[in-house]
Every structure is written in C-alpha cells, then in structure tokens.
Amino acid sequence: MSFLSTLAAAFKGGADHRVPLARTFVSPWIYADPVTRAPFDYASAVRRAYLDNPVAQRSVRLVAEGIGGAPLVPVDPALERLVGATSAGQSLLETLASQLLLHGNAYVQVMKDAAGAPVELYALRPERVSVIAGADGWPSAYAYKVGEASLTIPLLDQDASPNVIHIRGFHPGDDHYGAGCLIAADRAIATHNAAAEWNRTLLENAARPSGALVYDPGDGAPLGADQFDRLKQELASAYSGAANAGRPMLLEGGLKWQALSLTPADMDFAALKAAAARDVALAFGVPPMLLGLPGDATYANYREANRALWRLTLLPLAGKILSAIAEGLETWFPAARLAVDLDRVPALADDREKLWSQVGAASFLSDAEKRALLGLAPLDERNIS
C-alpha cells in the first residue's frame, strides 16, 4: 500500500489523527529574511527559483541528477531495490537531493509489510512535515499535513524500528530542522529574475532607454488636462510595446521628444545579472563554467570543473544521504554499506588511476592494507590460492 493510500485509510478510520499542536515543534526563525525578519515563504521561493530561474533550476538538476545516477557499490539485492527505486522515471536519491538543496530537510518514510519488513522507501514533501518533540526535546513523531488533514507518524514502531528517516542539512541555530541552499540563494535569485524582467521590458520598448515629451508653449496656452490625458493615451496605444518598435512619432506644435541616456548603473546591467547568476551557482555548489556563465576563470577547463563538482558537492551530499539511509535501515541490513562506487565515476577516473598507481607501487604495504586504502572489501583468505 502506498503512502497516499495509507494516509487516506487513516483519515477514513475512526481514530483521531489530528496533530497535537502543543507538541509540534516549528522553528520560529528557521527561514527568515535577514533584514525584515519576516518568515521565509518556501513555496514562493521555490517558484521563483526552480520554476522561474534557469540558473537555479539547472544548478539543482545538475546536482540532483548526478546523485540520482551515481553508481553505487554492490549491496544486498533487497537493499539495492529499495534505494534504487524510481517513480515516474525519477529516482529516490534524486528526489532526496533536490529536497535537501531546496528545503534543507528530507524525510523518508519506511513502508513495511505485515511482517514488519521494509518494502518501499517513500520521500515525503518536506514543507508538509513538522517535528513533534517528546518531553526530552528529541523528536518522537512527525506530523504530515495535507490541506486541513494531518497524520501523525511515530518515529519508531512497536519493534523499535524506524518509520521515518530524517536527513537534514546543518543549521547552526536549530535543533530539529536543517537549512537548505535556497535560503542563501534567494536574494541572488530575486536579483537575477528582476534583471531578466528589466531586460524583457526594455526589449518591449524597442530596446531603447525611455525618453520624455517636452512641451514648450511659447506664447500659447499651457497644456490642458484633457490634452495631457489624450497624449498619454496615444503614447500607450500607438507607440508602446514590441509591435510598435521603431514607429515614427508624430508630434503637435510645442512638443518635442528628448531621449534619456542610460545611466552608469543601467550600462552595468549585464555585469550585475552575471554576478547574480554566479552567486546562485555558488550557493548550490556548482562551478559557473558548467552552467555556461561567462567570465569564469577559476578552472582551467571543463574537465577540472566537472571534477570539482563531484569532489566538492556531489560526493559529500551523496554521502550524507546514503549514510542516513543505511543507518535508518540498519535493523534489517546490519552490515550494509551504502556509498558511491568511485571507480565507476567517469569524472574521477584520472584521480582514481593516480591513486591506484601510487598504492600499487607502495611495496611496504600488504595486499590487505592496499585494498583498505582503495576502499575495497577485504578478500576472503580461503579463496586466495
């Protein structure tokens, strides 16, 4: 039974599944604007970033899809089926990586069969989950809210095996929730979006800066209110918009057009937009070169940038997710080791080749020590001829 079916069945039953609000822990400042201290609106920030901003969406997808498609070391087939599950072509690891980048928290519900064995790992929407703290302050359950309906999911079942695995990013000022990359990138995303909107508006105005109609009455009467309103209406209807770009303007007596030049701030528009894009990429841990951003001289070439992405972003985040899942499933898979198989990552092939050569040439190391340094499982001495 899927999680949604479980949720629907719980709401149909006679039991009271309303969340005890007195025990639900919601951090008052986990997401807050650093200037106004207003609460951070995650839903609006996600729309601005993932749906409206190409740099932010590509950054998240580059990291999440890389982790979702990363090769893993061989494990128990049952565990491999749980971790490698996909939904509509999107892997569990990709979903969890995206949630950690955007929200800072990822919740994995362990769906079990009648015997208590895990049959499915379901990624919950993090913005719908609230931590319910026990008397000692540690999480004892999680509240999942959809609309006006709420479901309380205990942290542990009657056999003391986990029902929910909470993966969170580090937050220096919160005990229960993590901080995502989106909150750090939100201002840069807003700046980049505003620059794109400014550019679109400028193009609609024939890609020219605005100007002013100057009225010189001479010895005549000043411009009346009716004439002023008519002039504004004609300007809006006949000379504004992309369809009227370059159309000559017919001016009446006493009127002349005076174009306004770009200010130094307007002339620096391209540099401002590029700087905002680089800040967005920096917040999500993606080298700007991989996003096609101009002016990046940090890395010598694309290969070096791709290697830096794996070393500095993908491997640490994948390690956090995989180690949390392995710890949560330790009851059923006590000897499981979930990790990325570094020898099968093309971007790290040069590094692994150098490491293999250095370790292989170290005559003072035993074969067992060499295998340990390379992250390989020890050989069964009985199978060695």
Protein backbone atom coordinates (compact mmCIF):
# COMPACT_ATOMS: atom_id res chain seq x y z
CA MET A 1 0.00 0.00 0.00
CA SER A 2 1.38 3.40 -0.98
CA PHE A 3 1.76 6.27 1.45
CA LEU A 4 -1.20 8.17 -0.01
CA SER A 5 -3.38 5.07 0.40
CA THR A 6 -2.22 4.76 4.00
CA LEU A 7 -2.97 8.43 4.59
CA ALA A 8 -6.46 8.11 3.06
CA ALA A 9 -7.21 4.99 5.11
CA ALA A 10 -6.13 6.74 8.29
CA PHE A 11 -8.42 9.67 7.60
CA LYS A 12 -11.36 7.32 6.88
CA GLY A 13 -10.91 5.48 10.15
CA GLY A 14 -12.46 6.43 13.41
CA ALA A 15 -9.20 7.23 15.17
CA ASP A 16 -8.29 10.85 15.79
CA HIS A 17 -5.20 11.61 13.70
CA ARG A 18 -5.14 15.33 14.32
CA VAL A 19 -1.70 16.68 15.16
CA PRO A 20 -1.25 17.76 18.81
CA LEU A 21 -0.20 21.34 18.10
CA ALA A 22 1.16 21.84 21.59
CA ARG A 23 3.87 19.26 20.88
CA THR A 24 4.53 20.12 17.24
CA PHE A 25 7.91 21.83 17.01
CA VAL A 26 8.07 24.57 14.37
CA SER A 27 11.17 26.71 14.47
CA PRO A 28 10.25 30.41 14.63
CA TRP A 29 13.23 31.58 12.59
CA ILE A 30 14.48 28.61 10.63
CA TYR A 31 13.72 30.56 7.44
CA ALA A 32 13.61 34.31 7.92
CA ASP A 33 14.56 37.32 5.87
CA PRO A 34 17.86 38.65 7.29
CA VAL A 35 16.65 42.26 7.13
CA THR A 36 12.92 42.27 7.87
CA ARG A 37 12.96 39.02 9.91
CA ALA A 38 9.75 38.08 8.11
CA PRO A 39 9.15 34.33 7.75
CA PHE A 40 10.70 32.79 4.68
CA ASP A 41 7.95 31.69 2.27
CA TYR A 42 9.30 28.40 0.94
CA ALA A 43 6.55 27.88 -1.64
CA SER A 44 7.12 31.31 -3.21
CA ALA A 45 10.89 30.89 -3.10
CA VAL A 46 10.66 27.53 -4.90
CA ARG A 47 8.52 29.09 -7.63
CA ARG A 48 11.00 31.95 -8.07
CA ALA A 49 13.98 29.60 -8.13
CA TYR A 50 13.04 26.27 -9.68
CA LEU A 51 10.20 27.39 -11.94
CA ASP A 52 11.26 30.93 -12.94
CA ASN A 53 15.05 30.98 -12.76
CA PRO A 54 17.07 28.95 -15.28
CA VAL A 55 20.33 29.16 -13.32
CA ALA A 56 18.81 27.88 -10.07
CA GLN A 57 16.86 25.09 -11.76
CA ARG A 58 19.86 23.91 -13.75
CA SER A 59 22.05 24.01 -10.64
CA VAL A 60 19.62 21.87 -8.65
CA ARG A 61 19.10 19.43 -11.51
CA LEU A 62 22.82 19.13 -12.17
CA VAL A 63 23.46 18.09 -8.57
CA ALA A 64 20.33 16.01 -8.02
CA GLU A 65 20.51 14.11 -11.31
CA GLY A 66 24.21 13.45 -10.77
CA ILE A 67 23.50 11.89 -7.38
CA GLY A 68 20.47 10.00 -8.69
CA GLY A 69 22.55 8.44 -11.46
CA ALA A 70 25.72 7.82 -9.46
CA PRO A 71 26.89 4.18 -9.43
CA LEU A 72 26.75 2.53 -6.01
CA VAL A 73 28.93 -0.18 -4.56
CA PRO A 74 27.31 -3.64 -4.76
CA VAL A 75 24.94 -4.29 -1.86
CA ASP A 76 22.23 -6.72 -0.83
CA PRO A 77 19.73 -7.02 -3.73
CA ALA A 78 16.80 -6.19 -1.43
CA LEU A 79 18.54 -3.03 -0.22
CA GLU A 80 19.54 -2.12 -3.77
CA ARG A 81 15.89 -2.41 -4.83
CA LEU A 82 14.80 -0.09 -2.01
CA VAL A 83 17.43 2.59 -2.62
CA GLY A 84 17.35 2.38 -6.40
CA ALA A 85 13.57 2.65 -6.68
CA THR A 86 12.15 5.11 -9.18
CA SER A 87 8.79 6.85 -9.50
CA ALA A 88 7.79 8.09 -12.97
CA GLY A 89 11.44 7.88 -14.01
CA GLN A 90 12.71 9.94 -11.07
CA SER A 91 14.90 8.11 -8.59
CA LEU A 92 14.55 8.28 -4.83
CA LEU A 93 18.07 9.65 -4.43
CA GLU A 94 17.40 12.41 -6.96
CA THR A 95 14.26 13.46 -5.08
CA LEU A 96 16.03 13.49 -1.73
CA ALA A 97 18.96 15.50 -3.12
CA SER A 98 16.60 18.10 -4.60
CA GLN A 99 14.73 18.42 -1.30
CA LEU A 100 17.94 18.87 0.67
CA LEU A 101 19.18 21.56 -1.71
CA LEU A 102 15.93 23.49 -1.73
CA HIS A 103 14.41 22.90 1.71
CA GLY A 104 17.31 21.63 3.78
CA ASN A 105 15.30 18.63 5.05
CA ALA A 106 14.36 15.30 3.52
CA TYR A 107 12.03 12.77 5.13
CA VAL A 108 11.95 9.13 4.04
CA GLN A 109 9.01 7.05 5.26
CA VAL A 110 9.79 3.34 5.56
CA MET A 111 6.76 1.45 4.26
CA LYS A 112 6.56 -2.07 5.74
CA ASP A 113 4.68 -5.27 5.07
CA ALA A 114 2.64 -7.27 7.59
CA ALA A 115 5.80 -8.89 8.93
CA GLY A 116 7.45 -5.51 9.57
CA ALA A 117 9.99 -5.77 6.75
CA PRO A 118 10.60 -2.67 4.58
CA VAL A 119 9.04 -2.88 1.12
CA GLU A 120 9.29 0.74 -0.05
CA LEU A 121 11.03 4.00 0.78
CA TYR A 122 8.75 7.00 0.22
CA ALA A 123 10.05 10.57 0.10
CA LEU A 124 7.67 12.91 1.93
CA ARG A 125 7.18 16.54 0.91
CA PRO A 126 9.40 18.37 3.46
CA GLU A 127 7.24 21.53 3.64
CA ARG A 128 4.35 19.36 4.85
CA VAL A 129 6.28 17.73 7.69
CA SER A 130 6.63 19.06 11.23
CA VAL A 131 8.70 17.56 14.02
CA ILE A 132 6.82 16.52 17.17
CA ALA A 133 9.23 16.67 20.08
CA GLY A 134 8.93 14.48 23.13
CA ALA A 135 9.31 15.50 26.74
CA ASP A 136 13.10 15.27 26.43
CA GLY A 137 13.17 17.55 23.39
CA TRP A 138 14.13 14.82 20.93
CA PRO A 139 11.81 14.02 18.00
CA SER A 140 9.24 11.38 18.90
CA ALA A 141 6.97 11.62 15.85
CA TYR A 142 6.38 13.56 12.66
CA ALA A 143 3.20 15.34 11.59
CA TYR A 144 2.37 15.17 7.88
CA LYS A 145 -0.25 17.73 6.86
CA VAL A 146 -2.13 17.82 3.55
CA GLY A 147 -4.64 20.66 3.42
CA GLU A 148 -6.68 20.54 6.61
CA ALA A 149 -5.94 16.85 7.28
CA SER A 150 -2.98 15.74 9.38
CA LEU A 151 -1.39 12.37 10.11
CA THR A 152 0.97 11.62 12.96
CA ILE A 153 3.74 9.16 12.08
CA PRO A 154 5.64 7.78 15.11
CA LEU A 155 9.40 7.87 14.84
CA LEU A 156 9.65 4.20 15.86
CA ASP A 157 7.18 1.36 15.60
CA GLN A 158 6.41 -1.19 18.30
CA ASP A 159 9.55 -3.17 17.37
CA ALA A 160 11.73 -0.05 17.81
CA SER A 161 12.46 0.07 14.08
CA PRO A 162 12.27 3.50 12.42
CA ASN A 163 9.22 4.63 10.47
CA VAL A 164 10.81 7.87 9.23
CA ILE A 165 14.40 8.69 8.31
CA HIS A 166 15.09 12.42 8.67
CA ILE A 167 18.01 13.75 6.61
CA ARG A 168 18.87 17.37 7.20
CA GLY A 169 21.48 19.91 6.33
CA PHE A 170 23.42 21.64 9.06
CA HIS A 171 21.70 24.56 10.76
CA PRO A 172 23.76 26.30 13.48
CA GLY A 173 20.71 27.71 15.26
CA ASP A 174 18.12 24.95 15.08
CA ASP A 175 17.91 21.58 16.82
CA HIS A 176 15.27 19.92 14.65
CA TYR A 177 15.43 21.36 11.14
CA GLY A 178 18.20 21.88 8.61
CA ALA A 179 18.92 24.85 6.36
CA GLY A 180 18.91 24.45 2.58
CA CYS A 181 20.88 26.23 -0.12
CA LEU A 182 17.78 28.04 -1.37
CA ILE A 183 17.58 30.44 1.54
CA ALA A 184 21.15 31.58 0.89
CA ALA A 185 20.50 31.93 -2.83
CA ASP A 186 17.09 33.60 -2.54
CA ARG A 187 18.30 37.20 -2.84
CA ALA A 188 20.60 36.43 -5.76
CA ILE A 189 17.72 34.63 -7.47
CA ALA A 190 15.44 37.63 -6.93
CA THR A 191 18.12 39.93 -8.37
CA HIS A 192 18.62 37.71 -11.41
CA ASN A 193 14.86 37.46 -12.01
CA ALA A 194 14.47 41.23 -11.69
CA ALA A 195 17.30 41.77 -14.17
CA ALA A 196 15.65 39.40 -16.65
CA GLU A 197 12.32 41.20 -16.25
CA TRP A 198 14.03 44.57 -16.74
CA ASN A 199 15.65 43.24 -19.91
CA ARG A 200 12.30 41.95 -21.22
CA THR A 201 10.63 45.29 -20.55
CA LEU A 202 13.45 47.11 -22.30
CA LEU A 203 13.05 44.89 -25.37
CA GLU A 204 9.33 45.61 -25.45
CA ASN A 205 10.27 49.29 -25.58
CA ALA A 206 12.31 48.74 -28.78
CA ALA A 207 15.46 48.07 -26.76
CA ARG A 208 15.88 51.80 -26.16
CA PRO A 209 16.01 53.74 -22.92
CA SER A 210 12.99 55.82 -22.09
CA GLY A 211 12.62 59.46 -23.03
CA ALA A 212 10.45 62.48 -22.27
CA LEU A 213 8.00 64.59 -24.23
CA VAL A 214 8.88 68.21 -23.56
CA TYR A 215 6.16 70.83 -24.13
CA ASP A 216 7.24 74.34 -24.96
CA PRO A 217 4.12 76.53 -25.05
CA GLY A 218 5.97 79.60 -26.29
CA ASP A 219 3.37 82.39 -26.31
CA GLY A 220 0.47 79.92 -26.35
CA ALA A 221 -1.61 78.48 -23.52
CA PRO A 222 -0.20 75.71 -21.32
CA LEU A 223 -1.14 72.09 -21.95
CA GLY A 224 -4.60 71.41 -20.56
CA ALA A 225 -5.70 68.41 -18.52
CA ASP A 226 -7.73 66.91 -21.39
CA GLN A 227 -4.83 67.33 -23.81
CA PHE A 228 -2.44 65.75 -21.31
CA ASP A 229 -4.70 62.70 -20.81
CA ARG A 230 -5.18 62.32 -24.58
CA LEU A 231 -1.42 62.48 -25.13
CA LYS A 232 -0.76 59.77 -22.55
CA GLN A 233 -3.39 57.53 -24.10
CA GLU A 234 -1.93 57.96 -27.59
CA LEU A 235 1.56 57.16 -26.35
CA ALA A 236 0.37 53.99 -24.62
CA SER A 237 -1.73 52.72 -27.53
CA ALA A 238 0.28 53.78 -30.59
CA TYR A 239 3.93 53.86 -29.56
CA SER A 240 4.40 51.35 -26.70
CA GLY A 241 5.15 47.63 -27.00
CA ALA A 242 7.27 45.44 -29.26
CA ALA A 243 4.80 45.70 -32.16
CA ASN A 244 5.37 49.47 -32.34
CA ALA A 245 9.17 49.32 -32.13
CA GLY A 246 10.78 51.95 -34.39
CA ARG A 247 7.47 53.54 -35.37
CA PRO A 248 7.93 57.29 -36.07
CA MET A 249 6.19 59.63 -33.69
CA LEU A 250 4.03 62.50 -34.98
CA LEU A 251 4.24 65.45 -32.60
CA GLU A 252 1.99 68.51 -32.46
CA GLY A 253 3.19 72.07 -32.11
CA GLY A 254 5.16 72.80 -29.00
CA LEU A 255 6.07 69.15 -28.38
CA LYS A 256 9.49 67.63 -28.85
CA TRP A 257 10.97 64.24 -27.88
CA GLN A 258 14.05 64.20 -25.70
CA ALA A 259 15.72 60.79 -25.32
CA LEU A 260 17.24 59.91 -21.95
CA SER A 261 20.63 58.21 -21.99
CA LEU A 262 21.49 55.11 -19.99
CA THR A 263 22.87 55.76 -16.54
CA PRO A 264 26.13 54.09 -15.42
CA ALA A 265 24.02 51.67 -13.37
CA ASP A 266 22.00 50.71 -16.46
CA MET A 267 25.15 50.27 -18.51
CA ASP A 268 26.45 47.84 -15.85
CA PHE A 269 23.26 45.77 -16.14
CA ALA A 270 24.92 42.78 -17.82
CA ALA A 271 27.63 42.58 -15.17
CA LEU A 272 25.01 42.78 -12.40
CA LYS A 273 23.00 39.93 -13.90
CA ALA A 274 26.11 37.77 -14.40
CA ALA A 275 27.21 38.40 -10.80
CA ALA A 276 23.78 37.34 -9.51
CA ALA A 277 23.92 34.18 -11.62
CA ARG A 278 27.34 33.30 -10.22
CA ASP A 279 26.06 33.80 -6.66
CA VAL A 280 23.19 31.41 -7.37
CA ALA A 281 25.59 28.79 -8.72
CA LEU A 282 27.89 29.31 -5.72
CA ALA A 283 25.06 28.77 -3.25
CA PHE A 284 24.20 25.40 -4.80
CA GLY A 285 27.84 24.33 -5.10
CA VAL A 286 28.01 24.26 -8.91
CA PRO A 287 31.06 25.68 -10.78
CA PRO A 288 29.75 28.52 -13.01
CA MET A 289 31.63 27.10 -16.00
CA LEU A 290 29.29 24.07 -16.04
CA LEU A 291 26.31 26.42 -16.38
CA GLY A 292 27.78 28.32 -19.31
CA LEU A 293 28.21 31.54 -17.32
CA PRO A 294 30.73 33.97 -18.84
CA GLY A 295 33.86 35.26 -17.18
CA ASP A 296 34.73 32.17 -15.15
CA ALA A 297 38.49 31.67 -14.99
CA THR A 298 38.60 29.60 -11.80
CA TYR A 299 39.11 26.28 -13.57
CA ALA A 300 41.47 25.57 -16.43
CA ASN A 301 38.92 23.57 -18.39
CA TYR A 302 35.56 21.87 -18.29
CA ARG A 303 37.03 18.59 -17.02
CA GLU A 304 38.52 20.28 -13.97
CA ALA A 305 35.21 21.99 -13.23
CA ASN A 306 33.34 18.69 -13.51
CA ARG A 307 35.82 17.03 -11.17
CA ALA A 308 35.39 19.87 -8.66
CA LEU A 309 31.60 19.41 -8.82
CA TRP A 310 31.96 15.76 -7.86
CA ARG A 311 34.59 16.28 -5.20
CA LEU A 312 33.10 19.34 -3.50
CA THR A 313 29.35 18.91 -3.95
CA LEU A 314 28.05 15.60 -5.27
CA LEU A 315 30.12 13.18 -3.18
CA PRO A 316 29.56 14.97 0.18
CA LEU A 317 25.82 15.28 -0.41
CA ALA A 318 25.53 11.69 -1.66
CA GLY A 319 27.47 10.50 1.38
CA LYS A 320 25.09 12.33 3.71
CA ILE A 321 22.01 10.80 2.06
CA LEU A 322 23.37 7.26 1.73
CA SER A 323 24.78 7.10 5.25
CA ALA A 324 21.48 8.33 6.71
CA ILE A 325 19.51 5.69 4.78
CA ALA A 326 21.97 2.95 5.79
CA GLU A 327 21.69 3.99 9.42
CA GLY A 328 17.89 4.05 9.24
CA LEU A 329 17.74 0.57 7.69
CA GLU A 330 20.38 -0.92 9.99
CA THR A 331 17.71 -3.02 11.75
CA TRP A 332 17.16 -5.07 8.59
CA PHE A 333 20.57 -4.67 6.92
CA PRO A 334 23.12 -4.50 9.77
CA ALA A 335 26.23 -4.93 7.60
CA ALA A 336 25.07 -2.73 4.72
CA ARG A 337 27.45 -0.11 3.33
CA LEU A 338 25.86 2.40 1.00
CA ALA A 339 28.39 4.51 -0.90
CA VAL A 340 29.20 5.79 -4.37
CA ASP A 341 31.48 3.48 -6.36
CA LEU A 342 34.31 5.91 -7.11
CA ASP A 343 35.92 3.57 -9.63
CA ARG A 344 32.86 3.82 -11.89
CA VAL A 345 32.54 7.63 -11.91
CA PRO A 346 33.98 8.88 -15.23
CA ALA A 347 34.76 12.35 -13.88
CA LEU A 348 37.05 10.83 -11.22
CA ALA A 349 38.84 8.36 -13.49
CA ASP A 350 42.12 10.33 -13.55
CA ASP A 351 42.19 10.70 -9.77
CA ARG A 352 41.48 7.01 -9.23
CA GLU A 353 44.14 5.99 -11.73
CA LYS A 354 46.76 8.05 -9.91
CA LEU A 355 45.68 6.62 -6.55
CA TRP A 356 45.82 3.05 -7.85
CA SER A 357 49.30 3.63 -9.25
CA GLN A 358 50.60 5.16 -6.02
CA VAL A 359 49.13 2.44 -3.82
CA GLY A 360 50.24 -0.34 -6.17
CA ALA A 361 53.81 0.95 -6.14
CA ALA A 362 53.94 1.04 -2.34
CA SER A 363 55.92 -2.15 -1.68
CA PHE A 364 55.88 -1.59 2.08
CA LEU A 365 52.09 -2.18 2.19
CA SER A 366 50.41 -5.55 2.31
CA ASP A 367 47.64 -6.51 -0.10
CA ALA A 368 45.07 -6.12 2.67
CA GLU A 369 46.33 -2.63 3.50
CA LYS A 370 46.26 -1.65 -0.17
CA ARG A 371 42.67 -2.81 -0.53
CA ALA A 372 41.69 -0.86 2.58
CA LEU A 373 43.29 2.32 1.22
CA LEU A 374 41.41 1.89 -2.06
CA GLY A 375 38.11 1.35 -0.27
CA LEU A 376 37.80 -2.27 -1.40
CA ALA A 377 36.34 -5.07 0.69
CA PRO A 378 38.91 -7.49 2.13
CA LEU A 379 39.46 -10.72 0.26
CA ASP A 380 38.44 -14.00 1.81
CA GLU A 381 41.78 -15.64 2.57
CA ARG A 382 40.27 -19.06 1.90
CA ASN A 383 39.73 -18.09 -1.77
CA ILE A 384 43.31 -16.94 -2.28
CA SER A 385 45.46 -19.55 -3.98
